[in-house]
């Protein structure tokens, strides 16, 4: 049973996600742009290297229901799941983008960039990686990496991150994950005394080992 598998008998909350059948959309009719960049892996590694070299504080946060925060540019209608209606209607018009739509990630990236350009104009978007923003003013450094709804920030002053999160969260509800410990499935451990930042993926290693064992054939004696 689920209770036995989870080791508990109390359901804390239920989660449900409404996903649109984007493969039914037609280009030029109800969507155009669909490309949405994400930060390059080398950019993330570079930021972490800078953090160690300059003693920067590293934090991360994630945006809740990211795609729902961006306005949709086209008229798009969806049929509600079987058994559900909205104000008695089983076909409704979307006001915001929805996961599964062709333009969902594209519109969300544009929404993020517009917000950062308006509220934090001193952060410059890097020409080679559109998901990397930075600011270097004397000894003060700020590096911001975007990966869809996951944010990683390295900065000289922790107060900047706190102010950033408060401003961002007031518009886009987010979770403050605090000091970097896990990002994109990778675990991190910081040793300030020895000036090191270690990274590991024990979960992935365990999965690979488990898959490998299932393919092992023992010799017949």
N, C-alpha and C. Protein backbone atom coordinates (compact mmCIF):
# COMPACT_ATOMS: atom_id res chain seq x y z
N UNK A 1 0.84 -1.18 0.00
CA UNK A 1 0.00 0.00 0.00
C UNK A 1 0.88 1.24 0.00
N UNK A 2 0.27 2.40 -0.33
CA UNK A 2 1.02 3.65 -0.30
C UNK A 2 1.50 3.96 1.11
N UNK A 3 0.66 3.65 2.11
CA UNK A 3 1.04 3.93 3.49
C UNK A 3 2.32 3.19 3.86
N UNK A 4 2.39 1.93 3.45
CA UNK A 4 3.56 1.12 3.78
C UNK A 4 4.78 1.61 3.02
N UNK A 5 4.56 1.98 1.75
CA UNK A 5 5.68 2.43 0.92
C UNK A 5 6.27 3.73 1.43
N UNK A 6 5.40 4.63 1.88
CA UNK A 6 5.86 5.93 2.34
C UNK A 6 6.24 5.93 3.81
N UNK A 7 5.88 4.86 4.52
CA UNK A 7 6.21 4.79 5.94
C UNK A 7 5.37 5.71 6.79
N UNK A 8 4.18 6.08 6.32
CA UNK A 8 3.31 6.95 7.10
C UNK A 8 1.86 6.63 6.76
N UNK A 9 0.95 7.17 7.53
CA UNK A 9 -0.47 6.91 7.31
C UNK A 9 -1.25 8.21 7.18
N UNK A 10 -0.54 9.34 7.04
CA UNK A 10 -1.19 10.64 6.94
C UNK A 10 -0.88 11.26 5.59
N UNK A 11 -1.91 11.63 4.87
CA UNK A 11 -1.74 12.31 3.58
C UNK A 11 -1.66 13.80 3.84
N UNK A 12 -0.51 14.40 3.57
CA UNK A 12 -0.33 15.82 3.84
C UNK A 12 -1.07 16.70 2.85
N UNK A 13 -1.04 16.33 1.57
CA UNK A 13 -1.73 17.13 0.57
C UNK A 13 -1.87 16.33 -0.71
N UNK A 14 -2.82 16.74 -1.53
CA UNK A 14 -3.00 16.15 -2.84
C UNK A 14 -2.46 17.11 -3.89
N UNK A 15 -1.88 16.57 -4.94
CA UNK A 15 -1.36 17.42 -6.00
C UNK A 15 -1.93 16.95 -7.33
N UNK A 16 -2.32 17.91 -8.14
CA UNK A 16 -2.84 17.59 -9.46
C UNK A 16 -2.30 18.61 -10.45
N UNK A 17 -2.07 18.19 -11.66
CA UNK A 17 -1.51 19.09 -12.68
C UNK A 17 -2.34 18.97 -13.95
N UNK A 18 -2.84 20.11 -14.42
CA UNK A 18 -3.61 20.15 -15.66
C UNK A 18 -2.64 20.41 -16.81
N UNK A 19 -2.60 19.51 -17.77
CA UNK A 19 -1.67 19.61 -18.90
C UNK A 19 -2.46 19.65 -20.19
N UNK A 20 -2.12 20.62 -21.03
CA UNK A 20 -2.82 20.77 -22.32
C UNK A 20 -2.25 19.80 -23.35
N UNK A 21 -3.09 19.42 -24.30
CA UNK A 21 -2.66 18.55 -25.40
C UNK A 21 -2.08 19.44 -26.51
N UNK A 22 -0.86 19.89 -26.27
CA UNK A 22 -0.24 20.85 -27.18
C UNK A 22 -0.01 20.33 -28.58
N UNK A 23 0.05 19.01 -28.75
CA UNK A 23 0.31 18.46 -30.08
C UNK A 23 -0.86 18.70 -31.04
N UNK A 24 -1.99 19.17 -30.50
CA UNK A 24 -3.13 19.48 -31.35
C UNK A 24 -3.10 20.92 -31.87
N UNK A 25 -2.15 21.72 -31.37
CA UNK A 25 -2.06 23.12 -31.80
C UNK A 25 -1.51 23.22 -33.23
N UNK A 26 -1.84 24.33 -33.90
CA UNK A 26 -1.40 24.56 -35.27
C UNK A 26 -0.53 25.80 -35.32
N UNK A 27 0.63 25.69 -35.94
CA UNK A 27 1.57 26.80 -36.05
C UNK A 27 0.93 27.95 -36.83
N UNK A 28 1.05 29.17 -36.28
CA UNK A 28 0.49 30.34 -36.93
C UNK A 28 -0.97 30.57 -36.62
N UNK A 29 -1.64 29.57 -36.04
CA UNK A 29 -3.05 29.70 -35.69
C UNK A 29 -3.19 30.01 -34.21
N UNK A 30 -2.58 29.19 -33.37
CA UNK A 30 -2.66 29.44 -31.93
C UNK A 30 -1.30 29.37 -31.24
N UNK A 31 -0.23 29.43 -32.01
CA UNK A 31 1.10 29.61 -31.43
C UNK A 31 2.09 29.96 -32.53
N UNK A 32 3.18 30.62 -32.15
CA UNK A 32 4.29 30.90 -33.08
C UNK A 32 5.59 30.42 -32.46
N UNK A 33 6.16 31.26 -31.55
CA UNK A 33 7.42 30.86 -30.96
C UNK A 33 7.25 29.73 -29.96
N UNK A 34 8.17 28.79 -29.99
CA UNK A 34 8.14 27.68 -29.03
C UNK A 34 9.51 27.45 -28.40
N UNK A 35 10.54 28.13 -28.93
CA UNK A 35 11.89 27.93 -28.41
C UNK A 35 12.05 28.63 -27.06
N UNK A 36 12.58 27.91 -26.10
CA UNK A 36 12.84 28.48 -24.77
C UNK A 36 14.21 28.02 -24.30
N UNK A 37 15.15 28.94 -24.14
CA UNK A 37 16.50 28.54 -23.72
C UNK A 37 16.56 28.16 -22.25
N UNK A 38 17.53 27.34 -21.91
CA UNK A 38 17.86 27.06 -20.51
C UNK A 38 19.37 27.26 -20.36
N UNK A 39 19.80 27.49 -19.15
CA UNK A 39 21.22 27.78 -18.92
C UNK A 39 22.09 26.60 -19.35
N UNK A 40 23.19 26.92 -19.98
CA UNK A 40 24.13 25.87 -20.38
C UNK A 40 24.84 25.32 -19.15
N UNK A 41 25.17 24.04 -19.20
CA UNK A 41 25.84 23.40 -18.08
C UNK A 41 27.18 24.08 -17.77
N UNK A 42 27.90 24.48 -18.82
CA UNK A 42 29.19 25.12 -18.61
C UNK A 42 29.02 26.47 -17.90
N UNK A 43 27.88 27.14 -18.10
CA UNK A 43 27.63 28.40 -17.41
C UNK A 43 27.47 28.17 -15.91
N UNK A 44 26.71 27.15 -15.56
CA UNK A 44 26.51 26.83 -14.14
C UNK A 44 27.83 26.47 -13.48
N UNK A 45 28.65 25.70 -14.17
CA UNK A 45 29.95 25.31 -13.61
C UNK A 45 30.85 26.53 -13.46
N UNK A 46 30.78 27.44 -14.42
CA UNK A 46 31.59 28.66 -14.36
C UNK A 46 31.19 29.51 -13.15
N UNK A 47 29.87 29.65 -12.93
CA UNK A 47 29.38 30.44 -11.79
C UNK A 47 29.83 29.82 -10.48
N UNK A 48 29.75 28.51 -10.37
CA UNK A 48 30.18 27.85 -9.14
C UNK A 48 31.69 28.00 -8.93
N UNK A 49 32.45 27.98 -10.01
CA UNK A 49 33.89 28.19 -9.91
C UNK A 49 34.20 29.61 -9.43
N UNK A 50 33.46 30.59 -9.97
CA UNK A 50 33.63 31.98 -9.53
C UNK A 50 33.26 32.14 -8.06
N UNK A 51 32.24 31.42 -7.64
CA UNK A 51 31.79 31.50 -6.25
C UNK A 51 32.88 31.04 -5.30
N UNK A 52 33.58 29.98 -5.67
CA UNK A 52 34.67 29.46 -4.83
C UNK A 52 35.86 30.41 -4.87
N UNK A 53 36.19 30.89 -6.06
CA UNK A 53 37.36 31.75 -6.23
C UNK A 53 37.22 33.07 -5.49
N UNK A 54 36.01 33.67 -5.53
CA UNK A 54 35.80 34.99 -4.94
C UNK A 54 35.04 34.93 -3.61
N UNK A 55 34.79 33.74 -3.12
CA UNK A 55 34.11 33.60 -1.84
C UNK A 55 32.67 34.11 -1.87
N UNK A 56 31.97 33.84 -2.96
CA UNK A 56 30.59 34.30 -3.10
C UNK A 56 29.63 33.36 -2.39
N UNK A 57 28.51 33.92 -1.94
CA UNK A 57 27.46 33.12 -1.33
C UNK A 57 26.55 32.59 -2.43
N UNK A 58 26.18 31.32 -2.35
CA UNK A 58 25.38 30.70 -3.40
C UNK A 58 24.03 30.26 -2.83
N UNK A 59 22.97 30.66 -3.52
CA UNK A 59 21.61 30.32 -3.11
C UNK A 59 20.84 29.78 -4.31
N UNK A 60 19.74 29.13 -4.03
CA UNK A 60 18.85 28.74 -5.12
C UNK A 60 17.40 28.82 -4.69
N UNK A 61 16.52 28.95 -5.67
CA UNK A 61 15.09 29.09 -5.45
C UNK A 61 14.36 28.48 -6.63
N UNK A 62 13.11 28.15 -6.45
CA UNK A 62 12.33 27.64 -7.57
C UNK A 62 10.96 28.31 -7.59
N UNK A 63 10.43 28.49 -8.78
CA UNK A 63 9.17 29.19 -8.98
C UNK A 63 8.04 28.16 -9.01
N UNK A 64 6.98 28.45 -8.27
CA UNK A 64 5.83 27.53 -8.21
C UNK A 64 4.92 27.78 -9.43
N UNK A 65 4.55 26.68 -10.10
CA UNK A 65 3.63 26.77 -11.25
C UNK A 65 4.07 27.86 -12.22
N UNK A 66 5.33 27.75 -12.66
CA UNK A 66 5.95 28.82 -13.45
C UNK A 66 5.13 29.22 -14.68
N UNK A 67 4.69 28.24 -15.47
CA UNK A 67 4.03 28.57 -16.73
C UNK A 67 2.74 29.35 -16.52
N UNK A 68 2.12 29.20 -15.36
CA UNK A 68 0.86 29.90 -15.11
C UNK A 68 1.06 31.39 -14.87
N UNK A 69 2.32 31.82 -14.79
CA UNK A 69 2.62 33.23 -14.50
C UNK A 69 2.76 34.09 -15.75
N UNK A 70 2.68 33.49 -16.92
CA UNK A 70 2.87 34.28 -18.14
C UNK A 70 1.59 34.31 -18.96
N UNK A 71 1.28 35.49 -19.50
CA UNK A 71 0.09 35.67 -20.32
C UNK A 71 0.27 34.96 -21.66
N UNK A 72 -0.82 34.41 -22.14
CA UNK A 72 -0.77 33.72 -23.43
C UNK A 72 -1.06 34.73 -24.54
N UNK A 73 -0.39 34.59 -25.66
CA UNK A 73 -0.46 35.58 -26.73
C UNK A 73 -1.55 35.28 -27.77
N UNK A 74 -2.05 34.05 -27.75
CA UNK A 74 -3.06 33.66 -28.74
C UNK A 74 -4.32 33.19 -28.03
N UNK A 75 -5.43 33.22 -28.76
CA UNK A 75 -6.67 32.65 -28.23
C UNK A 75 -6.53 31.13 -28.26
N UNK A 76 -6.62 30.53 -27.10
CA UNK A 76 -6.44 29.09 -27.01
C UNK A 76 -7.51 28.52 -26.09
N UNK A 77 -8.25 27.57 -26.62
CA UNK A 77 -9.35 26.96 -25.89
C UNK A 77 -9.00 25.51 -25.56
N UNK A 78 -9.39 25.07 -24.39
CA UNK A 78 -9.13 23.68 -24.02
C UNK A 78 -10.41 23.04 -23.49
N UNK A 79 -10.49 21.74 -23.67
CA UNK A 79 -11.60 20.98 -23.13
C UNK A 79 -11.20 20.45 -21.75
N UNK A 80 -12.05 20.65 -20.78
CA UNK A 80 -11.77 20.21 -19.42
C UNK A 80 -11.71 18.69 -19.35
N UNK A 81 -10.92 18.16 -18.40
CA UNK A 81 -10.85 16.70 -18.25
C UNK A 81 -12.23 16.11 -17.97
N UNK A 82 -12.41 14.87 -18.34
CA UNK A 82 -13.68 14.20 -18.12
C UNK A 82 -14.10 14.25 -16.65
N UNK A 83 -15.31 14.70 -16.44
CA UNK A 83 -15.83 14.78 -15.07
C UNK A 83 -15.65 16.13 -14.43
N UNK A 84 -14.95 17.08 -15.12
CA UNK A 84 -14.71 18.41 -14.56
C UNK A 84 -15.33 19.48 -15.46
N UNK A 85 -15.82 20.52 -14.84
CA UNK A 85 -16.33 21.68 -15.57
C UNK A 85 -15.88 22.95 -14.85
N UNK A 86 -15.92 24.07 -15.56
CA UNK A 86 -15.62 25.37 -14.95
C UNK A 86 -16.82 26.26 -15.17
N UNK A 87 -17.49 26.59 -14.08
CA UNK A 87 -18.72 27.39 -14.13
C UNK A 87 -19.73 26.77 -15.10
N UNK A 88 -19.78 25.45 -15.07
CA UNK A 88 -20.73 24.72 -15.89
C UNK A 88 -20.28 24.48 -17.32
N UNK A 89 -19.08 24.96 -17.68
CA UNK A 89 -18.57 24.81 -19.04
C UNK A 89 -17.51 23.72 -19.10
N UNK A 90 -17.52 22.96 -20.18
CA UNK A 90 -16.49 21.94 -20.35
C UNK A 90 -15.42 22.37 -21.35
N UNK A 91 -15.62 23.52 -22.00
CA UNK A 91 -14.62 24.12 -22.89
C UNK A 91 -14.36 25.55 -22.42
N UNK A 92 -13.10 25.87 -22.15
CA UNK A 92 -12.77 27.19 -21.59
C UNK A 92 -11.61 27.81 -22.36
N UNK A 93 -11.51 29.14 -22.25
CA UNK A 93 -10.43 29.88 -22.90
C UNK A 93 -9.33 30.17 -21.88
N UNK A 94 -8.09 29.91 -22.26
CA UNK A 94 -6.96 30.14 -21.36
C UNK A 94 -6.63 31.62 -21.27
N UNK A 95 -6.36 32.08 -20.03
CA UNK A 95 -5.87 33.44 -19.82
C UNK A 95 -4.35 33.45 -19.76
N UNK A 96 -3.78 32.41 -19.18
CA UNK A 96 -2.33 32.28 -19.06
C UNK A 96 -1.87 31.01 -19.76
N UNK A 97 -0.58 30.90 -19.96
CA UNK A 97 -0.05 29.69 -20.57
C UNK A 97 -0.25 28.52 -19.62
N UNK A 98 -0.18 27.35 -20.17
CA UNK A 98 -0.41 26.13 -19.40
C UNK A 98 0.62 25.10 -19.81
N UNK A 99 1.05 24.30 -18.88
CA UNK A 99 2.02 23.27 -19.20
C UNK A 99 1.44 22.34 -20.26
N UNK A 100 2.24 22.06 -21.25
CA UNK A 100 1.77 21.22 -22.35
C UNK A 100 1.51 22.02 -23.61
N UNK A 101 1.28 23.34 -23.47
CA UNK A 101 1.08 24.17 -24.66
C UNK A 101 2.41 24.37 -25.38
N UNK A 102 2.34 24.55 -26.67
CA UNK A 102 3.56 24.71 -27.47
C UNK A 102 4.38 25.91 -27.04
N UNK A 103 3.69 27.01 -26.68
CA UNK A 103 4.39 28.25 -26.38
C UNK A 103 4.62 28.46 -24.89
N UNK A 104 4.27 27.49 -24.05
CA UNK A 104 4.35 27.67 -22.62
C UNK A 104 5.72 28.09 -22.12
N UNK A 105 6.75 27.32 -22.45
CA UNK A 105 8.11 27.63 -22.00
C UNK A 105 8.63 28.90 -22.65
N UNK A 106 8.27 29.12 -23.91
CA UNK A 106 8.70 30.32 -24.64
C UNK A 106 8.16 31.59 -23.97
N UNK A 107 6.86 31.58 -23.67
CA UNK A 107 6.25 32.75 -23.05
C UNK A 107 6.78 32.97 -21.63
N UNK A 108 7.05 31.88 -20.93
CA UNK A 108 7.56 32.01 -19.56
C UNK A 108 8.95 32.64 -19.56
N UNK A 109 9.80 32.23 -20.49
CA UNK A 109 11.14 32.83 -20.55
C UNK A 109 11.03 34.33 -20.83
N UNK A 110 10.18 34.72 -21.79
CA UNK A 110 10.02 36.14 -22.11
C UNK A 110 9.48 36.92 -20.91
N UNK A 111 8.59 36.29 -20.14
CA UNK A 111 8.05 36.94 -18.94
C UNK A 111 9.14 37.16 -17.91
N UNK A 112 9.99 36.15 -17.72
CA UNK A 112 11.10 36.28 -16.78
C UNK A 112 12.04 37.41 -17.18
N UNK A 113 12.42 37.41 -18.45
CA UNK A 113 13.37 38.41 -18.92
C UNK A 113 12.81 39.82 -18.78
N UNK A 114 11.54 40.01 -19.12
CA UNK A 114 10.92 41.33 -19.01
C UNK A 114 10.91 41.80 -17.55
N UNK A 115 10.64 40.88 -16.64
CA UNK A 115 10.61 41.23 -15.22
C UNK A 115 12.00 41.63 -14.73
N UNK A 116 13.02 40.86 -15.08
CA UNK A 116 14.38 41.16 -14.64
C UNK A 116 14.88 42.47 -15.24
N UNK A 117 14.55 42.71 -16.50
CA UNK A 117 14.98 43.94 -17.15
C UNK A 117 14.34 45.18 -16.50
N UNK A 118 13.10 45.02 -16.01
CA UNK A 118 12.39 46.15 -15.40
C UNK A 118 12.82 46.37 -13.95
N UNK A 119 12.89 45.30 -13.17
CA UNK A 119 13.14 45.44 -11.73
C UNK A 119 14.63 45.44 -11.38
N UNK A 120 15.45 44.79 -12.20
CA UNK A 120 16.89 44.70 -11.91
C UNK A 120 17.69 45.06 -13.16
N UNK A 121 17.58 46.31 -13.61
CA UNK A 121 18.23 46.73 -14.86
C UNK A 121 19.75 46.64 -14.83
N UNK A 122 20.35 46.60 -13.62
CA UNK A 122 21.80 46.51 -13.54
C UNK A 122 22.31 45.11 -13.85
N UNK A 123 21.41 44.13 -13.88
CA UNK A 123 21.81 42.78 -14.26
C UNK A 123 21.83 42.68 -15.79
N UNK A 124 22.99 42.33 -16.32
CA UNK A 124 23.16 42.26 -17.77
C UNK A 124 22.99 40.83 -18.27
N UNK A 125 22.20 40.66 -19.31
CA UNK A 125 22.05 39.34 -19.90
C UNK A 125 23.24 39.05 -20.80
N UNK A 126 23.87 37.90 -20.59
CA UNK A 126 25.07 37.57 -21.36
C UNK A 126 24.71 37.26 -22.81
N UNK A 127 25.45 37.79 -23.76
CA UNK A 127 25.11 37.57 -25.18
C UNK A 127 25.27 36.12 -25.64
N UNK A 128 26.08 35.33 -24.94
CA UNK A 128 26.32 33.95 -25.36
C UNK A 128 25.43 32.95 -24.64
N UNK A 129 24.81 33.37 -23.56
CA UNK A 129 23.90 32.50 -22.82
C UNK A 129 22.74 33.36 -22.31
N UNK A 130 21.59 33.31 -22.97
CA UNK A 130 20.47 34.17 -22.59
C UNK A 130 19.86 33.86 -21.23
N UNK A 131 20.33 32.81 -20.57
CA UNK A 131 19.82 32.47 -19.24
C UNK A 131 20.85 32.78 -18.15
N UNK A 132 21.83 33.61 -18.50
CA UNK A 132 22.86 34.00 -17.54
C UNK A 132 22.88 35.52 -17.43
N UNK A 133 22.63 36.02 -16.22
CA UNK A 133 22.65 37.45 -15.95
C UNK A 133 23.75 37.74 -14.92
N UNK A 134 24.40 38.88 -15.07
CA UNK A 134 25.51 39.17 -14.16
C UNK A 134 25.65 40.67 -13.93
N UNK A 135 26.32 40.99 -12.83
CA UNK A 135 26.64 42.38 -12.50
C UNK A 135 27.95 42.38 -11.72
N UNK A 136 28.93 43.14 -12.21
CA UNK A 136 30.22 43.26 -11.53
C UNK A 136 30.51 44.75 -11.35
N UNK A 137 30.46 45.18 -10.09
CA UNK A 137 30.71 46.58 -9.76
C UNK A 137 31.75 46.62 -8.63
N UNK A 138 32.98 46.82 -9.01
CA UNK A 138 34.06 46.80 -8.03
C UNK A 138 34.23 45.40 -7.47
N UNK A 139 34.13 45.28 -6.16
CA UNK A 139 34.24 43.96 -5.51
C UNK A 139 32.89 43.26 -5.37
N UNK A 140 31.81 43.95 -5.74
CA UNK A 140 30.48 43.35 -5.65
C UNK A 140 30.16 42.58 -6.93
N UNK A 141 29.82 41.32 -6.76
CA UNK A 141 29.51 40.47 -7.90
C UNK A 141 28.16 39.78 -7.69
N UNK A 142 27.41 39.69 -8.77
CA UNK A 142 26.14 38.96 -8.76
C UNK A 142 26.06 38.13 -10.03
N UNK A 143 25.82 36.85 -9.88
CA UNK A 143 25.63 35.95 -11.01
C UNK A 143 24.29 35.26 -10.84
N UNK A 144 23.48 35.27 -11.88
CA UNK A 144 22.16 34.64 -11.83
C UNK A 144 22.00 33.68 -12.99
N UNK A 145 21.66 32.45 -12.67
CA UNK A 145 21.48 31.40 -13.68
C UNK A 145 20.02 30.95 -13.67
N UNK A 146 19.37 30.95 -14.84
CA UNK A 146 17.98 30.53 -14.96
C UNK A 146 17.90 29.17 -15.64
N UNK A 147 17.12 28.29 -15.07
CA UNK A 147 16.87 26.99 -15.71
C UNK A 147 15.38 26.71 -15.60
N UNK A 148 14.62 27.32 -16.50
CA UNK A 148 13.15 27.26 -16.52
C UNK A 148 12.58 27.84 -15.22
N UNK A 149 12.29 27.00 -14.24
CA UNK A 149 11.74 27.52 -12.99
C UNK A 149 12.70 27.37 -11.82
N UNK A 150 13.93 27.00 -12.09
CA UNK A 150 14.96 26.88 -11.05
C UNK A 150 15.99 28.00 -11.22
N UNK A 151 16.25 28.71 -10.12
CA UNK A 151 17.19 29.83 -10.15
C UNK A 151 18.37 29.53 -9.24
N UNK A 152 19.57 29.87 -9.71
CA UNK A 152 20.77 29.77 -8.90
C UNK A 152 21.45 31.13 -8.90
N UNK A 153 21.78 31.64 -7.71
CA UNK A 153 22.42 32.95 -7.61
C UNK A 153 23.67 32.87 -6.75
N UNK A 154 24.75 33.47 -7.25
CA UNK A 154 25.98 33.64 -6.48
C UNK A 154 26.22 35.14 -6.34
N UNK A 155 26.41 35.60 -5.11
CA UNK A 155 26.55 37.04 -4.88
C UNK A 155 27.49 37.32 -3.72
N UNK A 156 28.08 38.50 -3.73
CA UNK A 156 29.00 38.90 -2.67
C UNK A 156 28.27 39.15 -1.35
N UNK A 157 27.08 39.77 -1.45
CA UNK A 157 26.32 40.15 -0.27
C UNK A 157 25.03 39.33 -0.18
N UNK A 158 24.87 38.50 0.85
CA UNK A 158 23.65 37.69 0.99
C UNK A 158 22.38 38.52 1.02
N UNK A 159 22.49 39.78 1.46
CA UNK A 159 21.31 40.64 1.52
C UNK A 159 20.72 40.87 0.14
N UNK A 160 21.58 40.90 -0.88
CA UNK A 160 21.06 41.10 -2.22
C UNK A 160 20.13 39.96 -2.61
N UNK A 161 20.52 38.74 -2.28
CA UNK A 161 19.66 37.60 -2.61
C UNK A 161 18.34 37.69 -1.86
N UNK A 162 18.38 38.05 -0.58
CA UNK A 162 17.15 38.14 0.20
C UNK A 162 16.21 39.20 -0.38
N UNK A 163 16.78 40.35 -0.76
CA UNK A 163 15.97 41.41 -1.37
C UNK A 163 15.42 40.95 -2.72
N UNK A 164 16.26 40.26 -3.47
CA UNK A 164 15.84 39.75 -4.78
C UNK A 164 14.67 38.79 -4.63
N UNK A 165 14.79 37.88 -3.68
CA UNK A 165 13.73 36.88 -3.49
C UNK A 165 12.41 37.54 -3.08
N UNK A 166 12.48 38.51 -2.16
CA UNK A 166 11.27 39.19 -1.72
C UNK A 166 10.58 39.88 -2.89
N UNK A 167 11.37 40.58 -3.71
CA UNK A 167 10.81 41.28 -4.88
C UNK A 167 10.23 40.30 -5.89
N UNK A 168 10.97 39.23 -6.15
CA UNK A 168 10.54 38.24 -7.13
C UNK A 168 9.29 37.51 -6.65
N UNK A 169 9.32 37.11 -5.38
CA UNK A 169 8.21 36.34 -4.81
C UNK A 169 6.92 37.15 -4.75
N UNK A 170 7.02 38.48 -4.69
CA UNK A 170 5.84 39.32 -4.65
C UNK A 170 5.07 39.29 -5.97
N UNK A 171 5.74 38.89 -7.04
CA UNK A 171 5.11 38.82 -8.36
C UNK A 171 4.89 37.38 -8.79
N UNK A 172 5.94 36.55 -8.61
CA UNK A 172 5.87 35.14 -8.98
C UNK A 172 6.08 34.30 -7.71
N UNK A 173 5.04 33.68 -7.17
CA UNK A 173 5.18 32.86 -5.96
C UNK A 173 6.30 31.83 -6.12
N UNK A 174 7.25 31.85 -5.18
CA UNK A 174 8.44 31.00 -5.29
C UNK A 174 8.78 30.36 -3.96
N UNK A 175 9.64 29.36 -4.01
CA UNK A 175 10.15 28.70 -2.82
C UNK A 175 11.61 29.08 -2.64
N UNK A 176 11.93 29.61 -1.47
CA UNK A 176 13.32 29.96 -1.15
C UNK A 176 14.01 28.70 -0.63
N UNK A 177 14.93 28.17 -1.42
CA UNK A 177 15.64 26.95 -1.03
C UNK A 177 16.86 27.24 -0.17
N UNK A 178 17.18 28.54 -0.02
CA UNK A 178 18.27 28.93 0.86
C UNK A 178 19.65 28.64 0.27
N UNK A 179 20.59 28.40 1.16
CA UNK A 179 21.97 28.11 0.73
C UNK A 179 21.98 26.87 -0.16
N UNK A 180 22.76 26.92 -1.21
CA UNK A 180 22.79 25.84 -2.19
C UNK A 180 23.17 24.50 -1.56
N UNK A 181 22.25 23.56 -1.67
CA UNK A 181 22.50 22.18 -1.24
C UNK A 181 22.13 21.18 -2.33
N UNK A 182 21.16 21.55 -3.15
CA UNK A 182 20.75 20.67 -4.24
C UNK A 182 20.20 21.51 -5.38
N UNK A 183 20.65 21.21 -6.59
CA UNK A 183 20.23 21.97 -7.76
C UNK A 183 20.24 21.06 -8.98
N UNK A 184 19.10 20.94 -9.64
CA UNK A 184 18.96 20.11 -10.84
C UNK A 184 19.42 18.68 -10.61
N UNK A 185 19.07 18.13 -9.46
CA UNK A 185 19.38 16.74 -9.18
C UNK A 185 20.79 16.49 -8.67
N UNK A 186 21.56 17.55 -8.46
CA UNK A 186 22.95 17.42 -8.00
C UNK A 186 23.04 17.94 -6.56
N UNK A 187 23.70 17.19 -5.69
CA UNK A 187 23.90 17.60 -4.31
C UNK A 187 25.21 18.37 -4.18
N UNK A 188 25.20 19.43 -3.36
CA UNK A 188 26.38 20.27 -3.19
C UNK A 188 26.74 20.38 -1.71
N UNK A 189 28.04 20.48 -1.45
CA UNK A 189 28.53 20.65 -0.09
C UNK A 189 29.67 21.66 -0.12
N UNK A 190 29.54 22.72 0.71
CA UNK A 190 30.52 23.81 0.71
C UNK A 190 31.44 23.70 1.92
N UNK A 191 32.74 23.82 1.69
CA UNK A 191 33.73 23.85 2.76
C UNK A 191 34.44 25.19 2.67
N UNK A 192 34.00 26.14 3.51
CA UNK A 192 34.55 27.49 3.44
C UNK A 192 36.01 27.53 3.88
N UNK A 193 36.36 26.69 4.84
CA UNK A 193 37.73 26.71 5.37
C UNK A 193 38.74 26.30 4.31
N UNK A 194 38.39 25.24 3.58
CA UNK A 194 39.30 24.74 2.55
C UNK A 194 38.99 25.30 1.16
N UNK A 195 38.00 26.19 1.09
CA UNK A 195 37.62 26.85 -0.17
C UNK A 195 37.31 25.84 -1.27
N UNK A 196 36.39 24.94 -0.95
CA UNK A 196 35.97 23.93 -1.93
C UNK A 196 34.44 23.86 -1.98
N UNK A 197 33.95 23.41 -3.11
CA UNK A 197 32.53 23.16 -3.31
C UNK A 197 32.40 21.81 -4.00
N UNK A 198 31.91 20.83 -3.26
CA UNK A 198 31.82 19.46 -3.78
C UNK A 198 30.43 19.20 -4.33
N UNK A 199 30.38 18.38 -5.37
CA UNK A 199 29.11 18.02 -5.98
C UNK A 199 29.04 16.51 -6.18
N UNK A 200 27.86 15.94 -6.00
CA UNK A 200 27.68 14.50 -6.14
C UNK A 200 26.25 14.19 -6.55
N UNK A 201 26.05 12.99 -7.07
CA UNK A 201 24.72 12.53 -7.48
C UNK A 201 24.48 11.11 -6.98
N UNK A 202 24.35 10.94 -5.67
CA UNK A 202 24.17 9.59 -5.12
C UNK A 202 22.91 8.90 -5.61
N UNK A 203 21.83 9.69 -5.81
CA UNK A 203 20.59 9.10 -6.28
C UNK A 203 20.74 8.49 -7.66
N UNK A 204 21.40 9.23 -8.57
CA UNK A 204 21.61 8.72 -9.93
C UNK A 204 22.51 7.50 -9.92
N UNK A 205 23.55 7.53 -9.08
CA UNK A 205 24.46 6.39 -8.99
C UNK A 205 23.71 5.14 -8.54
N UNK A 206 22.84 5.30 -7.54
CA UNK A 206 22.07 4.16 -7.04
C UNK A 206 21.14 3.61 -8.13
N UNK A 207 20.56 4.49 -8.92
CA UNK A 207 19.69 4.04 -10.00
C UNK A 207 20.48 3.25 -11.04
N UNK A 208 21.66 3.77 -11.39
CA UNK A 208 22.50 3.09 -12.38
C UNK A 208 22.94 1.72 -11.88
N UNK A 209 23.30 1.65 -10.61
CA UNK A 209 23.70 0.37 -10.03
C UNK A 209 22.54 -0.60 -10.04
N UNK A 210 21.35 -0.11 -9.68
CA UNK A 210 20.17 -0.98 -9.65
C UNK A 210 19.86 -1.53 -11.04
N UNK A 211 19.96 -0.66 -12.07
CA UNK A 211 19.70 -1.10 -13.44
C UNK A 211 20.75 -2.11 -13.89
N UNK A 212 22.01 -1.86 -13.51
CA UNK A 212 23.09 -2.77 -13.90
C UNK A 212 22.89 -4.15 -13.32
N UNK A 213 22.46 -4.21 -12.06
CA UNK A 213 22.29 -5.49 -11.40
C UNK A 213 21.17 -6.30 -12.04
N UNK A 214 20.16 -5.63 -12.57
CA UNK A 214 19.05 -6.36 -13.18
C UNK A 214 19.47 -7.05 -14.48
N UNK A 215 20.58 -6.60 -15.06
CA UNK A 215 21.06 -7.19 -16.31
C UNK A 215 22.19 -8.19 -16.09
N UNK A 216 22.60 -8.36 -14.84
CA UNK A 216 23.66 -9.32 -14.56
C UNK A 216 23.12 -10.75 -14.59
N UNK A 217 23.87 -11.65 -15.18
CA UNK A 217 23.50 -13.07 -15.19
C UNK A 217 24.56 -13.84 -14.42
N UNK A 218 24.13 -14.55 -13.42
CA UNK A 218 25.07 -15.30 -12.58
C UNK A 218 25.46 -16.60 -13.31
N UNK A 219 26.73 -16.98 -13.17
CA UNK A 219 27.19 -18.24 -13.83
C UNK A 219 26.51 -19.47 -13.23
N UNK A 220 26.26 -20.44 -14.06
CA UNK A 220 25.64 -21.68 -13.61
C UNK A 220 26.72 -22.63 -13.10
N UNK A 221 26.55 -23.08 -11.87
CA UNK A 221 27.55 -24.00 -11.27
C UNK A 221 27.01 -25.43 -11.31
